[in-house]
Protein backbone atom coordinates (compact mmCIF):
# COMPACT_ATOMS: atom_id res chain seq x y z
CA UNK A 1 -20.86 164.44 -193.35
CA UNK A 2 -18.08 162.66 -195.24
CA UNK A 3 -17.06 163.56 -198.79
CA UNK A 4 -14.47 161.54 -200.68
CA UNK A 5 -13.07 161.82 -204.16
CA UNK A 6 -12.05 159.44 -206.93
CA UNK A 7 -10.19 160.13 -210.17
CA UNK A 8 -11.26 158.05 -213.15
CA UNK A 9 -11.80 157.73 -216.87
CA UNK A 10 -14.80 155.34 -216.88
CA UNK A 11 -13.95 154.56 -220.50
CA UNK A 12 -16.51 153.07 -220.61
CA UNK A 13 -18.23 152.60 -217.26
CA UNK A 14 -18.58 148.89 -216.41
CA UNK A 15 -19.41 146.51 -213.56
CA UNK A 16 -15.91 146.80 -212.11
CA UNK A 17 -16.34 150.56 -211.78
CA UNK A 18 -19.72 150.05 -210.10
CA UNK A 19 -18.10 147.60 -207.65
CA UNK A 20 -15.33 150.12 -206.94
CA UNK A 21 -17.81 152.89 -206.11
CA UNK A 22 -19.78 150.54 -203.85
CA UNK A 23 -16.59 149.65 -201.98
CA UNK A 24 -15.70 153.34 -201.66
CA UNK A 25 -19.05 153.93 -199.96
CA UNK A 26 -18.67 150.87 -197.74
CA UNK A 27 -15.11 151.55 -196.60
CA UNK A 28 -15.45 155.28 -196.01
CA UNK A 29 -19.15 155.59 -195.08
CA UNK A 30 -19.12 158.52 -197.50
CA UNK A 31 -22.17 160.71 -197.72
CA UNK A 32 -20.96 162.02 -201.06
CA UNK A 33 -18.57 160.71 -203.72
CA UNK A 34 -17.04 163.24 -206.10
CA UNK A 35 -15.67 161.72 -209.30
CA UNK A 36 -13.08 163.72 -211.23
CA UNK A 37 -13.39 162.26 -214.71
CA UNK A 38 -11.49 162.65 -217.97
CA UNK A 39 -13.48 164.39 -220.67
CA UNK A 40 -13.38 163.35 -224.32
CA UNK A 41 -9.70 162.30 -224.46
CA UNK A 42 -7.82 159.96 -222.15
CA UNK A 43 -4.50 159.35 -220.44
CA UNK A 44 -3.35 156.68 -222.87
CA UNK A 45 -3.39 159.29 -225.66
CA UNK A 46 -6.69 158.15 -227.10
CA UNK A 47 -10.22 159.34 -227.70
CA UNK A 48 -12.76 158.23 -225.12
CA UNK A 49 -14.98 155.54 -226.61
CA UNK A 50 -18.03 157.49 -225.46
CA UNK A 51 -18.30 161.19 -224.82
CA UNK A 52 -18.22 162.82 -221.41
CA UNK A 53 -22.00 163.21 -221.07
CA UNK A 54 -22.77 159.51 -221.48
CA UNK A 55 -19.97 158.53 -219.11
CA UNK A 56 -21.15 161.12 -216.57
CA UNK A 57 -24.64 159.67 -216.72
CA UNK A 58 -23.49 156.10 -216.13
CA UNK A 59 -21.25 157.17 -213.24
CA UNK A 60 -24.13 158.99 -211.55
CA UNK A 61 -26.43 156.02 -212.08
CA UNK A 62 -23.98 153.77 -210.24
CA UNK A 63 -22.65 155.53 -207.18
CA UNK A 64 -21.09 158.90 -207.96
CA UNK A 65 -22.88 161.96 -206.55
CA UNK A 66 -21.03 164.63 -208.51
CA UNK A 67 -18.89 164.29 -211.64
CA UNK A 68 -16.36 167.00 -212.41
CA UNK A 69 -14.23 167.32 -215.52
CA UNK A 70 -10.50 166.75 -215.43
CA UNK A 71 -9.25 169.31 -217.98
CA UNK A 72 -7.94 167.75 -221.18
CA UNK A 73 -4.43 169.05 -220.48
CA UNK A 74 -4.27 166.65 -217.51
CA UNK A 75 -6.49 163.87 -218.80
CA UNK A 76 -4.06 163.27 -221.70
CA UNK A 77 -0.85 163.73 -219.70
CA UNK A 78 1.65 161.33 -218.17
CA UNK A 79 0.55 159.48 -215.04
CA UNK A 80 2.43 161.99 -212.87
CA UNK A 81 0.74 165.07 -214.36
CA UNK A 82 -2.64 163.28 -214.62
CA UNK A 83 -2.46 162.60 -210.88
CA UNK A 84 -1.36 166.13 -209.99
CA UNK A 85 -4.25 167.60 -211.98
CA UNK A 86 -6.83 165.32 -210.39
CA UNK A 87 -5.56 165.57 -206.82
CA UNK A 88 -5.18 169.35 -207.01
CA UNK A 89 -8.76 169.66 -208.22
CA UNK A 90 -10.16 167.48 -205.43
CA UNK A 91 -8.11 169.38 -202.86
CA UNK A 92 -9.16 172.80 -204.17
CA UNK A 93 -12.87 172.04 -203.62
CA UNK A 94 -12.47 172.48 -199.88
CA UNK A 95 -14.85 169.65 -198.93
CA UNK A 96 -12.92 166.51 -199.90
CA UNK A 97 -11.69 164.52 -196.90
CA UNK A 98 -10.36 161.39 -198.58
CA UNK A 99 -9.22 160.06 -201.93
CA UNK A 100 -9.93 156.48 -202.99
CA UNK A 101 -8.15 154.58 -205.74
CA UNK A 102 -7.91 151.04 -207.01
CA UNK A 103 -4.80 148.91 -206.57
CA UNK A 104 -3.81 145.39 -207.50
CA UNK A 105 -2.38 144.83 -204.00
CA UNK A 106 -3.74 145.35 -200.49
CA UNK A 107 -0.51 146.70 -199.00
CA UNK A 108 -0.70 150.49 -199.14
CA UNK A 109 2.61 150.73 -197.24
CA UNK A 110 4.65 149.40 -200.18
CA UNK A 111 3.07 151.98 -202.47
CA UNK A 112 3.71 154.75 -199.94
CA UNK A 113 7.38 153.71 -199.79
CA UNK A 114 7.60 153.86 -203.57
CA UNK A 115 5.93 157.27 -203.58
CA UNK A 116 8.33 158.57 -200.95
CA UNK A 117 11.38 157.39 -202.89
CA UNK A 118 10.17 158.72 -206.23
CA UNK A 119 8.95 162.00 -204.76
CA UNK A 120 12.18 162.70 -202.90
CA UNK A 121 14.06 163.69 -206.08
CA UNK A 122 16.97 161.67 -204.74
CA UNK A 123 20.05 162.11 -206.92
CA UNK A 124 20.82 158.38 -206.81
CA UNK A 125 17.41 157.58 -208.28
CA UNK A 126 17.73 160.33 -210.88
CA UNK A 127 21.15 159.04 -211.89
CA UNK A 128 19.80 155.47 -212.03
CA UNK A 129 17.04 156.58 -214.39
CA UNK A 130 19.50 158.45 -216.62
CA UNK A 131 21.77 155.42 -216.71
CA UNK A 132 18.90 153.11 -217.62
CA UNK A 133 17.76 155.39 -220.42
CA UNK A 134 21.30 155.56 -221.83
CA UNK A 135 21.42 151.75 -221.85
CA UNK A 136 18.29 151.65 -224.01
CA UNK A 137 15.60 150.99 -221.39
CA UNK A 138 12.20 152.63 -221.66
CA UNK A 139 11.50 155.25 -219.01
CA UNK A 140 9.20 152.97 -216.93
CA UNK A 141 11.82 150.20 -216.94
CA UNK A 142 14.66 152.59 -216.08
CA UNK A 143 12.64 154.10 -213.23
CA UNK A 144 11.78 150.66 -211.85
CA UNK A 145 15.44 149.60 -211.80
CA UNK A 146 16.44 152.86 -210.11
CA UNK A 147 13.88 152.60 -207.34
CA UNK A 148 14.67 148.92 -206.70
CA UNK A 149 18.30 149.86 -206.12
CA UNK A 150 17.29 152.29 -203.34
CA UNK A 151 14.45 150.32 -201.75
CA UNK A 152 14.65 148.28 -198.56
CA UNK A 153 12.16 145.85 -200.12
CA UNK A 154 13.26 145.64 -203.77
CA UNK A 155 11.36 142.44 -204.64
CA UNK A 156 8.07 143.77 -203.30
CA UNK A 157 8.59 147.17 -204.89
CA UNK A 158 9.44 145.55 -208.23
CA UNK A 159 6.30 143.41 -208.12
CA UNK A 160 4.07 146.31 -207.11
CA UNK A 161 5.36 148.70 -209.75
CA UNK A 162 4.70 146.37 -212.66
CA UNK A 163 0.93 146.72 -212.16
CA UNK A 164 -0.91 149.65 -213.75
CA UNK A 165 -3.32 150.52 -210.93
CA UNK A 166 -0.48 150.39 -208.40
CA UNK A 167 1.62 152.69 -210.58
CA UNK A 168 -1.15 155.27 -210.76
CA UNK A 169 -1.78 154.94 -207.02
CA UNK A 170 1.88 155.81 -206.39
CA UNK A 171 1.42 158.93 -208.51
CA UNK A 172 -1.63 159.95 -206.46
CA UNK A 173 0.38 159.53 -203.26
CA UNK A 174 3.27 161.53 -204.75
CA UNK A 175 0.87 164.28 -205.81
CA UNK A 176 -0.65 164.48 -202.33
CA UNK A 177 2.81 164.93 -200.82
CA UNK A 178 3.89 167.50 -203.39
CA UNK A 179 0.70 169.54 -202.95
CA UNK A 180 0.76 169.10 -199.14
CA UNK A 181 -2.81 167.78 -199.20
CA UNK A 182 -4.56 166.58 -196.06
CA UNK A 183 -6.63 164.03 -198.00
CA UNK A 184 -6.72 160.55 -196.45
CA UNK A 185 -5.72 157.84 -198.97
CA UNK A 186 -7.84 154.69 -199.16
CA UNK A 187 -6.89 151.90 -201.56
CA UNK A 188 -9.38 149.34 -202.84
CA UNK A 189 -8.07 146.06 -204.19
CA UNK A 190 -9.05 145.39 -207.78
CA UNK A 191 -11.17 142.27 -208.18
CA UNK A 192 -11.87 140.11 -211.21
CA UNK A 193 -9.75 140.86 -214.27
CA UNK A 194 -6.54 142.86 -214.61
CA UNK A 195 -6.55 146.45 -215.86
CA UNK A 196 -5.53 145.59 -219.43
CA UNK A 197 -6.81 142.03 -219.54
CA UNK A 198 -8.60 140.78 -222.64
CA UNK A 199 -10.32 138.05 -220.61
CA UNK A 200 -13.58 138.20 -218.69
CA UNK A 201 -14.41 136.92 -215.22
CA UNK A 202 -18.14 136.36 -214.87
CA UNK A 203 -19.79 139.76 -215.22
CA UNK A 204 -16.43 141.52 -214.95
CA UNK A 205 -13.95 142.50 -217.63
CA UNK A 206 -11.59 145.38 -218.27
CA UNK A 207 -12.53 148.58 -220.05
CA UNK A 208 -9.92 147.61 -222.64
CA UNK A 209 -11.79 144.39 -223.43
CA UNK A 210 -15.06 146.31 -223.82
CA UNK A 211 -13.39 148.79 -226.18
CA UNK A 212 -11.92 145.96 -228.24
CA UNK A 213 -15.26 144.15 -228.34
CA UNK A 214 -17.04 147.28 -229.55
CA UNK A 215 -14.35 147.80 -232.18
CA UNK A 216 -15.17 144.40 -233.63
CA UNK A 217 -18.93 144.18 -233.11
CA UNK A 218 -20.07 147.83 -233.06
CA UNK A 219 -22.98 146.40 -231.03
CA UNK A 220 -24.08 147.39 -227.52
CA UNK A 221 -25.63 143.93 -227.12
CA UNK A 222 -22.15 142.42 -227.09
CA UNK A 223 -21.15 144.25 -223.91
CA UNK A 224 -24.37 144.45 -221.86
CA UNK A 225 -23.26 141.57 -219.65
CA UNK A 226 -20.36 143.67 -218.40
CA UNK A 227 -22.17 146.94 -217.67
CA UNK A 228 -24.55 147.74 -214.79
CA UNK A 229 -28.19 147.07 -215.47
CA UNK A 230 -29.13 150.61 -214.46
CA UNK A 231 -27.04 151.88 -217.36
CA UNK A 232 -28.12 149.41 -220.02
CA UNK A 233 -30.60 151.95 -221.39
CA UNK A 234 -27.85 154.52 -221.97
CA UNK A 235 -25.67 151.99 -223.81
CA UNK A 236 -28.55 150.83 -226.00
CA UNK A 237 -30.01 154.27 -226.71
CA UNK A 238 -26.75 155.89 -227.79
CA UNK A 239 -25.05 153.02 -229.67
CA UNK A 240 -24.43 153.99 -233.28
CA UNK A 241 -25.62 157.51 -232.51
CA UNK A 242 -22.98 158.92 -230.16
CA UNK A 243 -20.56 156.02 -229.68
CA UNK A 244 -18.31 154.06 -230.18
CA UNK A 245 -15.53 156.46 -231.10
CA UNK A 246 -11.95 155.32 -231.77
CA UNK A 247 -8.66 157.11 -232.32
CA UNK A 248 -8.65 156.07 -235.98
CA UNK A 249 -11.75 158.21 -236.46
CA UNK A 250 -9.41 161.21 -236.00
CA UNK A 251 -6.85 160.00 -238.56
CA UNK A 252 -7.58 162.60 -241.23
CA UNK A 253 -7.55 165.44 -238.71
CA UNK A 254 -4.29 164.20 -237.21
CA UNK A 255 -2.58 163.76 -240.56
CA UNK A 256 -3.65 167.24 -241.66
CA UNK A 257 -2.21 168.67 -238.46
CA UNK A 258 1.09 166.82 -238.91
CA UNK A 259 1.37 167.95 -242.52
CA UNK A 260 1.32 171.54 -241.27
CA UNK A 261 4.23 170.96 -238.87
CA UNK A 262 7.95 170.34 -239.09
CA UNK A 263 10.37 168.81 -236.59
CA UNK A 264 11.14 172.18 -234.99
CA UNK A 265 7.49 173.14 -234.50
CA UNK A 266 6.50 169.68 -233.30
CA UNK A 267 8.78 169.83 -230.27
CA UNK A 268 6.64 172.63 -228.82
CA UNK A 269 3.90 170.11 -228.03
CA UNK A 270 3.65 168.33 -224.72
CA UNK A 271 5.35 164.89 -224.50
CA UNK A 272 7.22 165.50 -227.76
CA UNK A 273 11.01 165.42 -228.09
CA UNK A 274 13.28 166.02 -231.04
CA UNK A 275 13.92 162.32 -231.73
CA UNK A 276 10.21 161.58 -231.92
CA UNK A 277 9.54 164.70 -233.97
CA UNK A 278 12.15 163.62 -236.52
CA UNK A 279 10.72 160.08 -236.68
CA UNK A 280 7.27 161.52 -237.32
CA UNK A 281 8.49 163.71 -240.16
CA UNK A 282 10.62 160.94 -241.65
CA UNK A 283 7.73 158.46 -241.72
CA UNK A 284 4.80 160.78 -242.45
CA UNK A 285 4.43 159.56 -246.04
CA UNK A 286 3.67 156.12 -244.59
CA UNK A 287 0.73 157.42 -242.56
CA UNK A 288 -2.39 155.28 -243.13
CA UNK A 289 -4.28 155.82 -239.90
CA UNK A 290 -3.53 156.87 -236.32
CA UNK A 291 -3.12 153.36 -234.89
CA UNK A 292 -0.91 152.14 -237.75
CA UNK A 293 1.25 155.27 -237.68
CA UNK A 294 1.85 155.00 -233.94
CA UNK A 295 3.00 151.41 -234.39
CA UNK A 296 5.19 152.47 -237.32
CA UNK A 297 7.18 155.01 -235.33
CA UNK A 298 7.33 153.08 -232.04
CA UNK A 299 10.83 152.17 -230.82
CA UNK A 300 12.27 149.97 -228.08
CA UNK A 301 12.67 152.85 -225.63
CA UNK A 302 9.64 154.91 -226.67
CA UNK A 303 6.34 153.33 -225.69
CA UNK A 304 3.18 153.26 -227.77
CA UNK A 305 1.35 155.26 -225.10
CA UNK A 306 4.03 157.96 -224.95
CA UNK A 307 3.84 158.39 -228.72
CA UNK A 308 0.05 158.42 -228.63
CA UNK A 309 0.06 161.20 -226.06
CA UNK A 310 2.49 163.26 -228.12
CA UNK A 311 0.30 162.84 -231.20
CA UNK A 312 -2.92 163.69 -229.37
CA UNK A 313 -1.27 166.79 -227.92
CA UNK A 314 -0.28 167.82 -231.44
CA UNK A 315 -3.85 167.28 -232.66
CA UNK A 316 -5.29 169.30 -229.77
CA UNK A 317 -2.56 171.96 -229.66
CA UNK A 318 -1.46 171.27 -226.07
CA UNK A 319 1.99 172.83 -225.67
CA UNK A 320 4.81 172.43 -223.17
CA UNK A 321 4.76 176.16 -222.50
CA UNK A 322 1.07 176.15 -221.59
CA UNK A 323 1.51 173.11 -219.34
CA UNK A 324 4.36 174.79 -217.47
CA UNK A 325 2.23 177.89 -216.99
CA UNK A 326 -0.65 175.87 -215.56
CA UNK A 327 1.51 173.81 -213.22
CA UNK A 328 3.35 176.94 -212.05
CA UNK A 329 0.01 178.56 -211.20
CA UNK A 330 -1.52 175.84 -209.05
CA UNK A 331 -2.53 173.22 -211.64
CA UNK A 332 -6.29 173.90 -211.64
CA UNK A 333 -8.08 177.23 -211.87
CA UNK A 334 -11.67 176.02 -212.08
CA UNK A 335 -13.96 173.13 -211.22
CA UNK A 336 -16.34 172.27 -214.05
CA UNK A 337 -19.37 170.25 -212.98
CA UNK A 338 -20.53 167.73 -215.60
CA UNK A 339 -23.41 166.31 -213.60
CA UNK A 340 -24.83 165.61 -210.16
CA UNK A 341 -27.47 163.59 -208.38
CA UNK A 342 -30.32 165.83 -207.31
CA UNK A 343 -29.68 164.75 -203.73
CA UNK A 344 -26.17 166.21 -203.95
CA UNK A 345 -27.32 169.80 -204.51
CA UNK A 346 -26.44 170.63 -200.90
CA UNK A 347 -22.80 169.58 -201.20
CA UNK A 348 -22.52 171.49 -204.48
CA UNK A 349 -23.72 174.61 -202.65
CA UNK A 350 -21.08 173.97 -199.99
CA UNK A 351 -18.38 173.57 -202.64
CA UNK A 352 -19.39 176.89 -204.17
CA UNK A 353 -19.07 178.47 -200.74
CA UNK A 354 -15.61 177.14 -199.79
CA UNK A 355 -13.87 176.21 -203.06
CA UNK A 356 -10.52 177.85 -203.79
CA UNK A 357 -11.41 177.95 -207.50
CA UNK A 358 -14.53 179.05 -209.40
CA UNK A 359 -17.20 176.36 -209.88
CA UNK A 360 -18.65 176.21 -213.39
CA UNK A 361 -21.99 174.63 -214.28
CA UNK A 362 -22.73 176.89 -217.25
CA UNK A 363 -19.73 176.87 -219.60
CA UNK A 364 -20.99 180.00 -221.34
CA UNK A 365 -20.16 181.98 -218.18
CA UNK A 366 -16.48 181.02 -218.04
CA UNK A 367 -15.11 184.39 -219.18
CA UNK A 368 -16.69 186.21 -216.25
CA UNK A 369 -15.47 183.60 -213.75
CA UNK A 370 -11.93 182.77 -214.78
CA UNK A 371 -8.61 184.58 -214.76
CA UNK A 372 -5.47 184.01 -216.82
CA UNK A 373 -3.97 181.53 -217.49
CA UNK A 374 -7.00 179.36 -216.80
CA UNK A 375 -9.22 181.14 -219.31
CA UNK A 376 -7.00 179.59 -221.99
CA UNK A 377 -7.09 176.20 -220.27
CA UNK A 378 -10.87 176.26 -220.40
CA UNK A 379 -10.96 177.44 -224.01
CA UNK A 380 -8.53 174.71 -225.10
CA UNK A 381 -10.70 172.18 -223.28
CA UNK A 382 -13.72 173.49 -225.21
CA UNK A 383 -11.73 173.18 -228.44
CA UNK A 384 -10.89 169.55 -227.68
CA UNK A 385 -14.58 168.81 -227.14
CA UNK A 386 -15.45 170.47 -230.45
CA UNK A 387 -12.90 168.32 -232.25
CA UNK A 388 -14.39 165.22 -230.63
CA UNK A 389 -17.95 166.31 -231.41
CA UNK A 390 -17.00 167.01 -235.02
CA UNK A 391 -15.94 163.38 -235.42
CA UNK A 392 -19.16 162.18 -233.76
CA UNK A 393 -21.22 164.25 -236.20
CA UNK A 394 -19.31 163.00 -239.23
CA UNK A 395 -19.26 159.34 -238.17
CA UNK A 396 -22.89 159.01 -237.10
CA UNK A 397 -24.57 161.99 -238.77
CA UNK A 398 -25.73 163.01 -235.30
CA UNK A 399 -26.41 166.54 -234.14
CA UNK A 400 -24.26 167.30 -231.09
CA UNK A 401 -24.71 170.46 -229.04
CA UNK A 402 -21.68 172.65 -228.47
CA UNK A 403 -20.62 172.87 -224.81
CA UNK A 404 -21.40 176.58 -224.73
CA UNK A 405 -24.98 176.12 -225.92
CA UNK A 406 -25.80 172.74 -224.35
CA UNK A 407 -28.49 173.17 -221.70
CA UNK A 408 -28.85 171.22 -218.47
CA UNK A 409 -30.69 167.89 -218.88
CA UNK A 410 -32.77 166.29 -216.15
CA UNK A 411 -32.72 162.50 -216.35
CA UNK A 412 -34.44 160.56 -213.58
CA UNK A 413 -32.77 161.79 -210.35
CA UNK A 414 -29.77 163.49 -211.93
CA UNK A 415 -28.85 166.65 -213.77
CA UNK A 416 -26.33 166.63 -216.64
CA UNK A 417 -24.78 170.00 -217.46
């Protein structure tokens, strides 16, 4: 029996994701695929366009056997912390033998070299990054220059580390080394369109293009070509009822939260620094909506995504102190199951038997299963879902069950928790 894991957002799930899961099965001969998936908020500092239950359903319909939640503290973090959260969760389950991830390039060796250099905490690289930041480079650009200077293949490294899937793959490899995991890495070359492309290629396009299309059309019909046929029903049934959701839908909540802060209190939140906190306070009177405000305070050496993450952490109350506590205590203290194929019940039983952390299928039982500090992690994750669900209710006038009261749903050959 072979069990492999993937870490994903599926925001939203599309034909490229379905292709990826098929290739995972083909290349690894996996009996079971465990998907660790972001919940209602994502790594780019944004709200997921569709909630975690719909995205769990579409993942299970198209190749995943079990979907587990990546806690919001990691799903909204930098690529490094995102990877550490996901890898640590897969490793803690006790059944995962391999980890599969998409890359723009075939050559895993180049990415492993980059991971080794970046994970070594070499003083020359650290000094190169500091020097680049002082000269006005953004952190990604400063890091790229520093690693090129130490690499035996600078041109190849430079090319590889300008591509988003490759960059995240390097973080997975770094996380595996840091956590001393025995997971076998398998990379799968991305086909069709690029990660952030706004162009389509036959039935393939990026999740970004789908999100942008939905922002303009608000119509599921406009994206059906790019999503698997098995999931068309979910997209059609829930359009205008549960999705699409955009970051601007949280603008009033975000502005209210910022109005209750000052520069000193803001720096307690994850990904926030004093310069950004001061820019936020200085420009708060110009706040129109979340997207516009992020653009307003963006600078040459502070990326849009970095600012978005800092703002979403402020909205959700995710602090630096909490993040340090979680990372100091093993990163993950629970495995929350969002859904599974009925045929995967056996592997779920095995996970329950050997997992290093409690396995949660009924959120209402978390207090009896979890210990500090992960009780707070779970409660903050619940709070984030309630904030998301509040916006869904207000936008679509749709009743949404709270996570603690939501019962298991049986749909075709799957169970959604």
